[in-house]
């Protein structure tokens, strides 16, 4: 009787036995790689976001009356009043007729420097 698998003995040969002793080497490499991935994730994702949030917090805390700001909606206006406890800001939109609007403090995108407004 002909055995099909007899034609291909190297393909179905048993593999070599794993080395005995010191089996923690693979586990240690896995732990090191996992730790490296966590460090890279922190360096490239979390840390820049923390810096950006700190810069934004400083911006919102430094706002004062008569500062010129622009909102996330693209409105350029002058700060009329700030209520940091409520998280609200009143912006004067038009100087000629005194139009004012109330926004959330988080709607302020940036402070416009005085050189840009003149």
PDB file of N, CA and C in Angstrom:
ATOM      1  N   UNK A   1       0.842  -1.177   0.000  1.00  0.00           N
ATOM      2  CA  UNK A   1       0.000   0.000   0.000  1.00  0.00           C
ATOM      3  C   UNK A   1       0.886   1.239   0.000  1.00  0.00           C
ATOM      4  N   UNK A   2       0.495   2.189  -0.791  1.00  0.00           N
ATOM      5  CA  UNK A   2       1.269   3.423  -0.952  1.00  0.00           C
ATOM      6  C   UNK A   2       0.824   4.455   0.079  1.00  0.00           C
ATOM      7  N   UNK A   3       1.786   5.010   0.777  1.00  0.00           N
ATOM      8  CA  UNK A   3       1.493   6.081   1.728  1.00  0.00           C
ATOM      9  C   UNK A   3       1.899   7.413   1.131  1.00  0.00           C
ATOM     10  N   UNK A   4       0.939   8.301   1.033  1.00  0.00           N
ATOM     11  CA  UNK A   4       1.184   9.614   0.443  1.00  0.00           C
ATOM     12  C   UNK A   4       2.217  10.401   1.245  1.00  0.00           C
ATOM     13  N   UNK A   5       2.145  10.311   2.554  1.00  0.00           N
ATOM     14  CA  UNK A   5       3.038  11.086   3.410  1.00  0.00           C
ATOM     15  C   UNK A   5       4.471  10.573   3.384  1.00  0.00           C
ATOM     16  N   UNK A   6       4.677   9.378   2.868  1.00  0.00           N
ATOM     17  CA  UNK A   6       6.025   8.819   2.787  1.00  0.00           C
ATOM     18  C   UNK A   6       6.879   9.588   1.782  1.00  0.00           C
ATOM     19  N   UNK A   7       6.244  10.256   0.831  1.00  0.00           N
ATOM     20  CA  UNK A   7       6.980  11.039  -0.161  1.00  0.00           C
ATOM     21  C   UNK A   7       7.566  12.323   0.420  1.00  0.00           C
ATOM     22  N   UNK A   8       7.019  12.787   1.507  1.00  0.00           N
ATOM     23  CA  UNK A   8       7.427  14.060   2.082  1.00  0.00           C
ATOM     24  C   UNK A   8       7.856  13.921   3.536  1.00  0.00           C
ATOM     25  N   UNK A   9       8.820  13.132   3.830  1.00  0.00           N
ATOM     26  CA  UNK A   9       9.195  12.934   5.232  1.00  0.00           C
ATOM     27  C   UNK A   9       9.721  14.200   5.915  1.00  0.00           C
ATOM     28  N   UNK A  10      10.493  15.071   5.236  1.00  0.00           N
ATOM     29  CA  UNK A  10      10.970  16.260   5.962  1.00  0.00           C
ATOM     30  C   UNK A  10       9.845  17.203   6.385  1.00  0.00           C
ATOM     31  N   UNK A  11       8.741  17.228   5.653  1.00  0.00           N
ATOM     32  CA  UNK A  11       7.654  18.146   5.978  1.00  0.00           C
ATOM     33  C   UNK A  11       6.917  17.751   7.249  1.00  0.00           C
ATOM     34  N   UNK A  12       6.909  16.455   7.541  1.00  0.00           N
ATOM     35  CA  UNK A  12       6.136  16.000   8.676  1.00  0.00           C
ATOM     36  C   UNK A  12       7.006  15.461   9.805  1.00  0.00           C
ATOM     37  N   UNK A  13       8.271  15.821   9.766  1.00  0.00           N
ATOM     38  CA  UNK A  13       9.182  15.361  10.811  1.00  0.00           C
ATOM     39  C   UNK A  13       8.902  16.126  12.095  1.00  0.00           C
ATOM     40  N   UNK A  14       9.192  15.498  13.180  1.00  0.00           N
ATOM     41  CA  UNK A  14       9.014  16.131  14.479  1.00  0.00           C
ATOM     42  C   UNK A  14      10.053  17.227  14.655  1.00  0.00           C
ATOM     43  N   UNK A  15       9.649  18.337  15.229  1.00  0.00           N
ATOM     44  CA  UNK A  15      10.580  19.440  15.481  1.00  0.00           C
ATOM     45  C   UNK A  15      11.497  19.105  16.634  1.00  0.00           C
ATOM     46  N   UNK A  16      12.556  19.867  16.742  1.00  0.00           N
ATOM     47  CA  UNK A  16      13.506  19.653  17.828  1.00  0.00           C
ATOM     48  C   UNK A  16      12.847  20.035  19.145  1.00  0.00           C
ATOM     49  N   UNK A  17      13.231  19.381  20.191  1.00  0.00           N
ATOM     50  CA  UNK A  17      12.680  19.657  21.515  1.00  0.00           C
ATOM     51  C   UNK A  17      13.173  21.020  21.991  1.00  0.00           C
ATOM     52  N   UNK A  18      12.350  21.770  22.694  1.00  0.00           N
ATOM     53  CA  UNK A  18      12.792  23.074  23.198  1.00  0.00           C
ATOM     54  C   UNK A  18      13.910  22.897  24.214  1.00  0.00           C
ATOM     55  N   UNK A  19      14.822  23.865  24.284  1.00  0.00           N
ATOM     56  CA  UNK A  19      15.932  23.733  25.231  1.00  0.00           C
ATOM     57  C   UNK A  19      15.419  23.700  26.663  1.00  0.00           C
ATOM     58  N   UNK A  20      16.074  22.910  27.452  1.00  0.00           N
ATOM     59  CA  UNK A  20      15.679  22.749  28.844  1.00  0.00           C
ATOM     60  C   UNK A  20      16.357  23.802  29.712  1.00  0.00           C
ATOM     61  N   UNK A  21      15.627  24.314  30.703  1.00  0.00           N
ATOM     62  CA  UNK A  21      16.190  25.277  31.654  1.00  0.00           C
ATOM     63  C   UNK A  21      16.263  26.664  31.046  1.00  0.00           C
ATOM     64  N   UNK A  22      16.174  27.680  31.877  1.00  0.00           N
ATOM     65  CA  UNK A  22      16.269  29.072  31.411  1.00  0.00           C
ATOM     66  C   UNK A  22      15.097  29.470  30.539  1.00  0.00           C
ATOM     67  N   UNK A  23      13.937  28.978  30.794  1.00  0.00           N
ATOM     68  CA  UNK A  23      12.763  29.283  29.987  1.00  0.00           C
ATOM     69  C   UNK A  23      12.197  30.667  30.228  1.00  0.00           C
ATOM     70  N   UNK A  24      12.757  31.439  31.166  1.00  0.00           N
ATOM     71  CA  UNK A  24      12.251  32.772  31.462  1.00  0.00           C
ATOM     72  C   UNK A  24      12.775  33.821  30.491  1.00  0.00           C
ATOM     73  N   UNK A  25      13.700  33.455  29.607  1.00  0.00           N
ATOM     74  CA  UNK A  25      14.269  34.406  28.659  1.00  0.00           C
ATOM     75  C   UNK A  25      13.212  35.000  27.746  1.00  0.00           C
ATOM     76  N   UNK A  26      12.310  34.173  27.247  1.00  0.00           N
ATOM     77  CA  UNK A  26      11.248  34.654  26.369  1.00  0.00           C
ATOM     78  C   UNK A  26      10.263  35.548  27.111  1.00  0.00           C
ATOM     79  N   UNK A  27       9.982  35.191  28.344  1.00  0.00           N
ATOM     80  CA  UNK A  27       9.072  35.984  29.151  1.00  0.00           C
ATOM     81  C   UNK A  27       9.682  37.354  29.456  1.00  0.00           C
ATOM     82  N   UNK A  28      10.976  37.372  29.739  1.00  0.00           N
ATOM     83  CA  UNK A  28      11.652  38.634  30.038  1.00  0.00           C
ATOM     84  C   UNK A  28      11.657  39.547  28.811  1.00  0.00           C
ATOM     85  N   UNK A  29      11.886  38.977  27.634  1.00  0.00           N
ATOM     86  CA  UNK A  29      11.846  39.768  26.407  1.00  0.00           C
ATOM     87  C   UNK A  29      10.454  40.336  26.176  1.00  0.00           C
ATOM     88  N   UNK A  30       9.443  39.553  26.429  1.00  0.00           N
ATOM     89  CA  UNK A  30       8.070  40.011  26.263  1.00  0.00           C
ATOM     90  C   UNK A  30       7.762  41.168  27.203  1.00  0.00           C
ATOM     91  N   UNK A  31       8.222  41.058  28.438  1.00  0.00           N
ATOM     92  CA  UNK A  31       7.998  42.131  29.411  1.00  0.00           C
ATOM     93  C   UNK A  31       8.728  43.403  28.989  1.00  0.00           C
ATOM     94  N   UNK A  32       9.956  43.268  28.501  1.00  0.00           N
ATOM     95  CA  UNK A  32      10.723  44.431  28.047  1.00  0.00           C
ATOM     96  C   UNK A  32      10.069  45.108  26.843  1.00  0.00           C
ATOM     97  N   UNK A  33       9.597  44.316  25.904  1.00  0.00           N
ATOM     98  CA  UNK A  33       8.924  44.879  24.732  1.00  0.00           C
ATOM     99  C   UNK A  33       7.634  45.570  25.151  1.00  0.00           C
ATOM    100  N   UNK A  34       6.877  44.957  26.019  1.00  0.00           N
ATOM    101  CA  UNK A  34       5.629  45.559  26.496  1.00  0.00           C
ATOM    102  C   UNK A  34       5.912  46.876  27.231  1.00  0.00           C
ATOM    103  N   UNK A  35       6.961  46.888  28.060  1.00  0.00           N
ATOM    104  CA  UNK A  35       7.342  48.116  28.754  1.00  0.00           C
ATOM    105  C   UNK A  35       7.776  49.199  27.790  1.00  0.00           C
ATOM    106  N   UNK A  36       8.514  48.826  26.748  1.00  0.00           N
ATOM    107  CA  UNK A  36       8.949  49.805  25.744  1.00  0.00           C
ATOM    108  C   UNK A  36       7.759  50.399  25.006  1.00  0.00           C
ATOM    109  N   UNK A  37       6.761  49.591  24.715  1.00  0.00           N
ATOM    110  CA  UNK A  37       5.561  50.083  24.036  1.00  0.00           C
ATOM    111  C   UNK A  37       4.819  51.077  24.936  1.00  0.00           C
ATOM    112  N   UNK A  38       4.734  50.786  26.209  1.00  0.00           N
ATOM    113  CA  UNK A  38       4.060  51.695  27.139  1.00  0.00           C
ATOM    114  C   UNK A  38       4.808  53.021  27.221  1.00  0.00           C
ATOM    115  N   UNK A  39       6.126  52.980  27.303  1.00  0.00           N
ATOM    116  CA  UNK A  39       6.927  54.213  27.364  1.00  0.00           C
ATOM    117  C   UNK A  39       6.751  55.023  26.083  1.00  0.00           C
ATOM    118  N   UNK A  40       6.788  54.373  24.935  1.00  0.00           N
ATOM    119  CA  UNK A  40       6.604  55.074  23.657  1.00  0.00           C
ATOM    120  C   UNK A  40       5.214  55.696  23.588  1.00  0.00           C
ATOM    121  N   UNK A  41       4.209  54.976  24.024  1.00  0.00           N
ATOM    122  CA  UNK A  41       2.845  55.504  24.021  1.00  0.00           C
ATOM    123  C   UNK A  41       2.764  56.756  24.892  1.00  0.00           C
ATOM    124  N   UNK A  42       3.396  56.716  26.055  1.00  0.00           N
ATOM    125  CA  UNK A  42       3.367  57.867  26.958  1.00  0.00           C
ATOM    126  C   UNK A  42       4.102  59.045  26.336  1.00  0.00           C
ATOM    127  N   UNK A  43       5.266  58.797  25.729  1.00  0.00           N
ATOM    128  CA  UNK A  43       6.061  59.881  25.150  1.00  0.00           C
ATOM    129  C   UNK A  43       5.380  60.544  23.963  1.00  0.00           C
ATOM    130  N   UNK A  44       4.721  59.757  23.131  1.00  0.00           N
ATOM    131  CA  UNK A  44       4.167  60.298  21.899  1.00  0.00           C
ATOM    132  C   UNK A  44       2.686  60.647  21.963  1.00  0.00           C
ATOM    133  N   UNK A  45       1.970  60.180  22.966  1.00  0.00           N
ATOM    134  CA  UNK A  45       0.539  60.448  23.030  1.00  0.00           C
ATOM    135  C   UNK A  45       0.132  61.230  24.274  1.00  0.00           C
ATOM    136  N   UNK A  46       0.474  60.733  25.426  1.00  0.00           N
ATOM    137  CA  UNK A  46      -0.029  61.306  26.670  1.00  0.00           C
ATOM    138  C   UNK A  46       0.710  62.588  27.042  1.00  0.00           C
ATOM    139  N   UNK A  47       2.033  62.595  26.989  1.00  0.00           N
ATOM    140  CA  UNK A  47       2.819  63.756  27.408  1.00  0.00           C
ATOM    141  C   UNK A  47       2.514  65.001  26.576  1.00  0.00           C
ATOM    142  N   UNK A  48       2.463  64.938  25.245  1.00  0.00           N
ATOM    143  CA  UNK A  48       2.114  66.142  24.477  1.00  0.00           C
ATOM    144  C   UNK A  48       0.714  66.659  24.801  1.00  0.00           C
ATOM    145  N   UNK A  49      -0.216  65.753  25.051  1.00  0.00           N
ATOM    146  CA  UNK A  49      -1.572  66.172  25.397  1.00  0.00           C
ATOM    147  C   UNK A  49      -1.581  66.876  26.754  1.00  0.00           C
ATOM    148  N   UNK A  50      -0.784  66.396  27.699  1.00  0.00           N
ATOM    149  CA  UNK A  50      -0.691  67.054  29.007  1.00  0.00           C
ATOM    150  C   UNK A  50      -0.103  68.445  28.871  1.00  0.00           C
ATOM    151  N   UNK A  51       0.920  68.609  28.035  1.00  0.00           N
ATOM    152  CA  UNK A  51       1.525  69.930  27.815  1.00  0.00           C
ATOM    153  C   UNK A  51       0.524  70.883  27.175  1.00  0.00           C
ATOM    154  N   UNK A  52      -0.219  70.396  26.189  1.00  0.00           N
ATOM    155  CA  UNK A  52      -1.209  71.227  25.516  1.00  0.00           C
ATOM    156  C   UNK A  52      -2.310  71.656  26.494  1.00  0.00           C
ATOM    157  N   UNK A  53      -2.752  70.760  27.335  1.00  0.00           N
ATOM    158  CA  UNK A  53      -3.787  71.082  28.318  1.00  0.00           C
ATOM    159  C   UNK A  53      -3.278  72.104  29.333  1.00  0.00           C
ATOM    160  N   UNK A  54      -2.024  71.978  29.752  1.00  0.00           N
ATOM    161  CA  UNK A  54      -1.437  72.937  30.690  1.00  0.00           C
ATOM    162  C   UNK A  54      -1.346  74.325  30.053  1.00  0.00           C
ATOM    163  N   UNK A  55      -0.956  74.396  28.786  1.00  0.00           N
ATOM    164  CA  UNK A  55      -0.896  75.681  28.070  1.00  0.00           C
ATOM    165  C   UNK A  55      -2.283  76.297  27.975  1.00  0.00           C
ATOM    166  N   UNK A  56      -3.279  75.485  27.684  1.00  0.00           N
ATOM    167  CA  UNK A  56      -4.663  75.996  27.576  1.00  0.00           C
ATOM    168  C   UNK A  56      -5.166  76.489  28.925  1.00  0.00           C
ATOM    169  N   UNK A  57      -4.848  75.770  29.996  1.00  0.00           N
ATOM    170  CA  UNK A  57      -5.270  76.182  31.337  1.00  0.00           C
ATOM    171  C   UNK A  57      -4.628  77.530  31.706  1.00  0.00           C
ATOM    172  N   UNK A  58      -3.356  77.708  31.363  1.00  0.00           N
ATOM    173  CA  UNK A  58      -2.675  78.980  31.626  1.00  0.00           C
ATOM    174  C   UNK A  58      -3.318  80.110  30.833  1.00  0.00           C
ATOM    175  N   UNK A  59      -3.679  79.837  29.581  1.00  0.00           N
ATOM    176  CA  UNK A  59      -4.337  80.851  28.753  1.00  0.00           C
ATOM    177  C   UNK A  59      -5.649  81.289  29.381  1.00  0.00           C
ATOM    178  N   UNK A  60      -6.479  80.335  29.768  1.00  0.00           N
ATOM    179  CA  UNK A  60      -7.789  80.686  30.325  1.00  0.00           C
ATOM    180  C   UNK A  60      -7.663  81.400  31.666  1.00  0.00           C
ATOM    181  N   UNK A  61      -6.652  81.047  32.464  1.00  0.00           N
ATOM    182  CA  UNK A  61      -6.451  81.728  33.747  1.00  0.00           C
ATOM    183  C   UNK A  61      -5.878  83.126  33.581  1.00  0.00           C
ATOM    184  N   UNK A  62      -5.208  83.391  32.457  1.00  0.00           N
ATOM    185  CA  UNK A  62      -4.591  84.701  32.260  1.00  0.00           C
ATOM    186  C   UNK A  62      -5.525  85.715  31.604  1.00  0.00           C
ATOM    187  N   UNK A  63      -6.713  85.300  31.188  1.00  0.00           N
ATOM    188  CA  UNK A  63      -7.627  86.233  30.524  1.00  0.00           C
ATOM    189  C   UNK A  63      -8.088  87.325  31.478  1.00  0.00           C
ATOM    190  N   UNK A  64      -8.096  88.539  30.971  1.00  0.00           N
ATOM    191  CA  UNK A  64      -8.559  89.695  31.738  1.00  0.00           C
ATOM    192  C   UNK A  64      -9.495  90.521  30.877  1.00  0.00           C
ATOM    193  N   UNK A  65     -10.164  91.451  31.525  1.00  0.00           N
ATOM    194  CA  UNK A  65     -11.068  92.350  30.818  1.00  0.00           C
ATOM    195  C   UNK A  65     -10.271  93.147  29.788  1.00  0.00           C
ATOM    196  N   UNK A  66     -10.880  93.387  28.627  1.00  0.00           N
ATOM    197  CA  UNK A  66     -10.337  94.132  27.489  1.00  0.00           C
ATOM    198  C   UNK A  66      -9.286  93.359  26.688  1.00  0.00           C
ATOM    199  N   UNK A  67      -9.079  92.072  26.977  1.00  0.00           N
ATOM    200  CA  UNK A  67      -8.230  91.245  26.117  1.00  0.00           C
ATOM    201  C   UNK A  67      -9.016  90.903  24.863  1.00  0.00           C
ATOM    202  N   UNK A  68      -8.324  90.840  23.744  1.00  0.00           N
ATOM    203  CA  UNK A  68      -8.965  90.420  22.506  1.00  0.00           C
ATOM    204  C   UNK A  68      -8.711  88.933  22.322  1.00  0.00           C
ATOM    205  N   UNK A  69      -9.780  88.172  22.083  1.00  0.00           N
ATOM    206  CA  UNK A  69      -9.693  86.726  21.941  1.00  0.00           C
ATOM    207  C   UNK A  69     -10.455  86.284  20.704  1.00  0.00           C
ATOM    208  N   UNK A  70     -10.201  85.067  20.278  1.00  0.00           N
ATOM    209  CA  UNK A  70     -11.089  84.476  19.288  1.00  0.00           C
ATOM    210  C   UNK A  70     -11.578  83.136  19.802  1.00  0.00           C
ATOM    211  N   UNK A  71     -12.793  82.802  19.390  1.00  0.00           N
ATOM    212  CA  UNK A  71     -13.451  81.602  19.888  1.00  0.00           C
ATOM    213  C   UNK A  71     -13.236  80.444  18.924  1.00  0.00           C
ATOM    214  N   UNK A  72     -13.639  79.263  19.349  1.00  0.00           N
ATOM    215  CA  UNK A  72     -13.530  78.094  18.477  1.00  0.00           C
ATOM    216  C   UNK A  72     -14.432  78.235  17.261  1.00  0.00           C
ATOM    217  N   UNK A  73     -15.423  79.094  17.330  1.00  0.00           N
ATOM    218  CA  UNK A  73     -16.308  79.350  16.203  1.00  0.00           C
ATOM    219  C   UNK A  73     -15.789  80.409  15.259  1.00  0.00           C
ATOM    220  N   UNK A  74     -14.620  80.989  15.575  1.00  0.00           N
ATOM    221  CA  UNK A  74     -14.013  81.984  14.699  1.00  0.00           C
ATOM    222  C   UNK A  74     -14.423  83.421  14.990  1.00  0.00           C
ATOM    223  N   UNK A  75     -15.089  83.666  16.089  1.00  0.00           N
ATOM    224  CA  UNK A  75     -15.507  85.027  16.448  1.00  0.00           C
ATOM    225  C   UNK A  75     -14.358  85.725  17.160  1.00  0.00           C
ATOM    226  N   UNK A  76     -14.013  86.924  16.665  1.00  0.00           N
ATOM    227  CA  UNK A  76     -12.992  87.739  17.316  1.00  0.00           C
ATOM    228  C   UNK A  76     -13.732  88.808  18.114  1.00  0.00           C
ATOM    229  N   UNK A  77     -13.444  88.876  19.410  1.00  0.00           N
ATOM    230  CA  UNK A  77     -14.181  89.790  20.287  1.00  0.00           C
ATOM    231  C   UNK A  77     -13.285  90.220  21.436  1.00  0.00           C
ATOM    232  N   UNK A  78     -13.806  91.170  22.219  1.00  0.00           N
ATOM    233  CA  UNK A  78     -13.095  91.697  23.380  1.00  0.00           C
ATOM    234  C   UNK A  78     -13.762  91.168  24.641  1.00  0.00           C
ATOM    235  N   UNK A  79     -12.942  90.785  25.616  1.00  0.00           N
ATOM    236  CA  UNK A  79     -13.472  90.269  26.878  1.00  0.00           C
ATOM    237  C   UNK A  79     -14.137  91.422  27.620  1.00  0.00           C
ATOM    238  N   UNK A  80     -15.402  91.222  28.000  1.00  0.00           N
ATOM    239  CA  UNK A  80     -16.141  92.227  28.762  1.00  0.00           C
ATOM    240  C   UNK A  80     -16.192  91.842  30.236  1.00  0.00           C
ATOM    241  N   UNK A  81     -16.447  90.556  30.507  1.00  0.00           N
ATOM    242  CA  UNK A  81     -16.503  90.059  31.887  1.00  0.00           C
ATOM    243  C   UNK A  81     -16.200  88.563  31.890  1.00  0.00           C
ATOM    244  N   UNK A  82     -15.642  88.100  33.018  1.00  0.00           N
ATOM    245  CA  UNK A  82     -15.312  86.679  33.173  1.00  0.00           C
ATOM    246  C   UNK A  82     -15.858  86.187  34.503  1.00  0.00           C
ATOM    247  N   UNK A  83     -16.515  85.037  34.479  1.00  0.00           N
ATOM    248  CA  UNK A  83     -16.929  84.371  35.705  1.00  0.00           C
ATOM    249  C   UNK A  83     -16.306  82.978  35.684  1.00  0.00           C
ATOM    250  N   UNK A  84     -15.122  82.857  36.275  1.00  0.00           N
ATOM    251  CA  UNK A  84     -14.380  81.596  36.219  1.00  0.00           C
ATOM    252  C   UNK A  84     -15.035  80.500  37.044  1.00  0.00           C
ATOM    253  N   UNK A  85     -15.785  80.875  38.080  1.00  0.00           N
ATOM    254  CA  UNK A  85     -16.474  79.868  38.896  1.00  0.00           C
ATOM    255  C   UNK A  85     -17.571  79.175  38.097  1.00  0.00           C
ATOM    256  N   UNK A  86     -18.306  79.937  37.295  1.00  0.00           N
ATOM    257  CA  UNK A  86     -19.359  79.361  36.450  1.00  0.00           C
ATOM    258  C   UNK A  86     -18.804  78.847  35.131  1.00  0.00           C
ATOM    259  N   UNK A  87     -17.588  79.257  34.784  1.00  0.00           N
ATOM    260  CA  UNK A  87     -17.010  78.851  33.509  1.00  0.00           C
ATOM    261  C   UNK A  87     -17.615  79.589  32.336  1.00  0.00           C
ATOM    262  N   UNK A  88     -17.969  80.859  32.565  1.00  0.00           N
ATOM    263  CA  UNK A  88     -18.587  81.663  31.511  1.00  0.00           C
ATOM    264  C   UNK A  88     -17.772  82.920  31.261  1.00  0.00           C
ATOM    265  N   UNK A  89     -17.916  83.440  30.053  1.00  0.00           N
ATOM    266  CA  UNK A  89     -17.240  84.677  29.678  1.00  0.00           C
ATOM    267  C   UNK A  89     -18.210  85.498  28.829  1.00  0.00           C
ATOM    268  N   UNK A  90     -18.222  86.800  29.055  1.00  0.00           N
ATOM    269  CA  UNK A  90     -19.046  87.704  28.252  1.00  0.00           C
ATOM    270  C   UNK A  90     -18.098  88.453  27.326  1.00  0.00           C
ATOM    271  N   UNK A  91     -18.396  88.361  26.016  1.00  0.00           N
ATOM    272  CA  UNK A  91     -17.558  89.006  25.019  1.00  0.00           C
ATOM    273  C   UNK A  91     -18.314  90.139  24.350  1.00  0.00           C
ATOM    274  N   UNK A  92     -17.608  91.247  24.154  1.00  0.00           N
ATOM    275  CA  UNK A  92     -18.176  92.369  23.428  1.00  0.00           C
ATOM    276  C   UNK A  92     -17.839  92.159  21.960  1.00  0.00           C
ATOM    277  N   UNK A  93     -18.886  91.948  21.157  1.00  0.00           N
ATOM    278  CA  UNK A  93     -18.685  91.600  19.754  1.00  0.00           C
ATOM    279  C   UNK A  93     -18.496  92.827  18.871  1.00  0.00           C
ATOM    280  N   UNK A  94     -19.181  93.920  19.208  1.00  0.00           N
ATOM    281  CA  UNK A  94     -19.129  95.112  18.368  1.00  0.00           C
ATOM    282  C   UNK A  94     -18.986  96.331  19.261  1.00  0.00           C
ATOM    283  N   UNK A  95     -17.968  97.123  19.030  1.00  0.00           N
ATOM    284  CA  UNK A  95     -17.735  98.312  19.851  1.00  0.00           C
ATOM    285  C   UNK A  95     -18.699  99.441  19.523  1.00  0.00           C
ATOM    286  N   UNK A  96     -19.164  99.539  18.277  1.00  0.00           N
ATOM    287  CA  UNK A  96     -20.004 100.669  17.882  1.00  0.00           C
ATOM    288  C   UNK A  96     -21.382 100.637  18.547  1.00  0.00           C
ATOM    289  N   UNK A  97     -22.002  99.477  18.675  1.00  0.00           N
ATOM    290  CA  UNK A  97     -23.311  99.426  19.311  1.00  0.00           C
ATOM    291  C   UNK A  97     -23.303  98.624  20.615  1.00  0.00           C
ATOM    292  N   UNK A  98     -22.133  98.142  21.047  1.00  0.00           N
ATOM    293  CA  UNK A  98     -22.011  97.463  22.338  1.00  0.00           C
ATOM    294  C   UNK A  98     -22.646  96.090  22.406  1.00  0.00           C
ATOM    295  N   UNK A  99     -22.695  95.367  21.310  1.00  0.00           N
ATOM    296  CA  UNK A  99     -23.270  94.025  21.294  1.00  0.00           C
ATOM    297  C   UNK A  99     -22.401  93.083  22.115  1.00  0.00           C
ATOM    298  N   UNK A 100     -23.056  92.375  23.034  1.00  0.00           N
ATOM    299  CA  UNK A 100     -22.346  91.431  23.901  1.00  0.00           C
ATOM    300  C   UNK A 100     -23.005  90.065  23.784  1.00  0.00           C
ATOM    301  N   UNK A 101     -22.199  89.022  24.021  1.00  0.00           N
ATOM    302  CA  UNK A 101     -22.715  87.653  24.010  1.00  0.00           C
ATOM    303  C   UNK A 101     -22.007  86.865  25.106  1.00  0.00           C
ATOM    304  N   UNK A 102     -22.727  85.923  25.671  1.00  0.00           N
ATOM    305  CA  UNK A 102     -22.175  85.087  26.738  1.00  0.00           C
ATOM    306  C   UNK A 102     -21.765  83.743  26.147  1.00  0.00           C
ATOM    307  N   UNK A 103     -20.556  83.305  26.487  1.00  0.00           N
ATOM    308  CA  UNK A 103     -20.001  82.052  25.982  1.00  0.00           C
ATOM    309  C   UNK A 103     -19.496  81.225  27.151  1.00  0.00           C
ATOM    310  N   UNK A 104     -19.293  79.932  26.903  1.00  0.00           N
ATOM    311  CA  UNK A 104     -18.565  79.113  27.855  1.00  0.00           C
ATOM    312  C   UNK A 104     -17.095  79.497  27.773  1.00  0.00           C
ATOM    313  N   UNK A 105     -16.424  79.451  28.890  1.00  0.00           N
ATOM    314  CA  UNK A 105     -15.004  79.790  28.922  1.00  0.00           C
ATOM    315  C   UNK A 105     -14.201  78.846  28.037  1.00  0.00           C
ATOM    316  N   UNK A 106     -14.652  77.628  27.909  1.00  0.00           N
ATOM    317  CA  UNK A 106     -13.952  76.661  27.063  1.00  0.00           C
ATOM    318  C   UNK A 106     -14.080  76.972  25.578  1.00  0.00           C
ATOM    319  N   UNK A 107     -14.944  77.908  25.201  1.00  0.00           N
ATOM    320  CA  UNK A 107     -15.097  78.293  23.800  1.00  0.00           C
ATOM    321  C   UNK A 107     -13.994  79.228  23.337  1.00  0.00           C
ATOM    322  N   UNK A 108     -13.197  79.748  24.250  1.00  0.00           N
ATOM    323  CA  UNK A 108     -12.095  80.631  23.868  1.00  0.00           C
ATOM    324  C   UNK A 108     -10.967  79.765  23.323  1.00  0.00           C
ATOM    325  N   UNK A 109     -10.562  80.053  22.082  1.00  0.00           N
ATOM    326  CA  UNK A 109      -9.505  79.277  21.447  1.00  0.00           C
ATOM    327  C   UNK A 109      -8.130  79.865  21.735  1.00  0.00           C
ATOM    328  N   UNK A 110      -8.002  81.195  21.663  1.00  0.00           N
ATOM    329  CA  UNK A 110      -6.687  81.814  21.878  1.00  0.00           C
ATOM    330  C   UNK A 110      -6.855  83.300  22.123  1.00  0.00           C
ATOM    331  N   UNK A 111      -5.808  83.874  22.661  1.00  0.00           N
ATOM    332  CA  UNK A 111      -5.753  85.315  22.863  1.00  0.00           C
ATOM    333  C   UNK A 111      -5.060  85.909  21.640  1.00  0.00           C
ATOM    334  N   UNK A 112      -5.648  86.973  21.097  1.00  0.00           N
ATOM    335  CA  UNK A 112      -5.063  87.638  19.943  1.00  0.00           C
ATOM    336  C   UNK A 112      -4.107  88.704  20.463  1.00  0.00           C
ATOM    337  N   UNK A 113      -2.893  88.712  19.928  1.00  0.00           N
ATOM    338  CA  UNK A 113      -1.938  89.722  20.377  1.00  0.00           C
ATOM    339  C   UNK A 113      -2.353  91.088  19.880  1.00  0.00           C
ATOM    340  N   UNK A 114      -1.943  92.128  20.570  1.00  0.00           N
ATOM    341  CA  UNK A 114      -2.330  93.490  20.223  1.00  0.00           C
ATOM    342  C   UNK A 114      -1.815  93.912  18.875  1.00  0.00           C
ATOM    343  N   UNK A 115      -0.699  93.367  18.407  1.00  0.00           N
ATOM    344  CA  UNK A 115      -0.138  93.739  17.102  1.00  0.00           C
ATOM    345  C   UNK A 115      -1.065  93.311  15.969  1.00  0.00           C
ATOM    346  N   UNK A 116      -1.773  92.176  16.144  1.00  0.00           N
ATOM    347  CA  UNK A 116      -2.655  91.676  15.095  1.00  0.00           C
ATOM    348  C   UNK A 116      -3.929  92.511  14.957  1.00  0.00           C
ATOM    349  N   UNK A 117      -4.384  93.097  16.037  1.00  0.00           N
ATOM    350  CA  UNK A 117      -5.666  93.801  15.998  1.00  0.00           C
ATOM    351  C   UNK A 117      -5.539  95.235  15.516  1.00  0.00           C
ATOM    352  N   UNK A 118      -4.336  95.776  15.495  1.00  0.00           N
ATOM    353  CA  UNK A 118      -4.175  97.174  15.095  1.00  0.00           C
ATOM    354  C   UNK A 118      -3.901  97.299  13.614  1.00  0.00           C
TER     355      UNK A 118
END
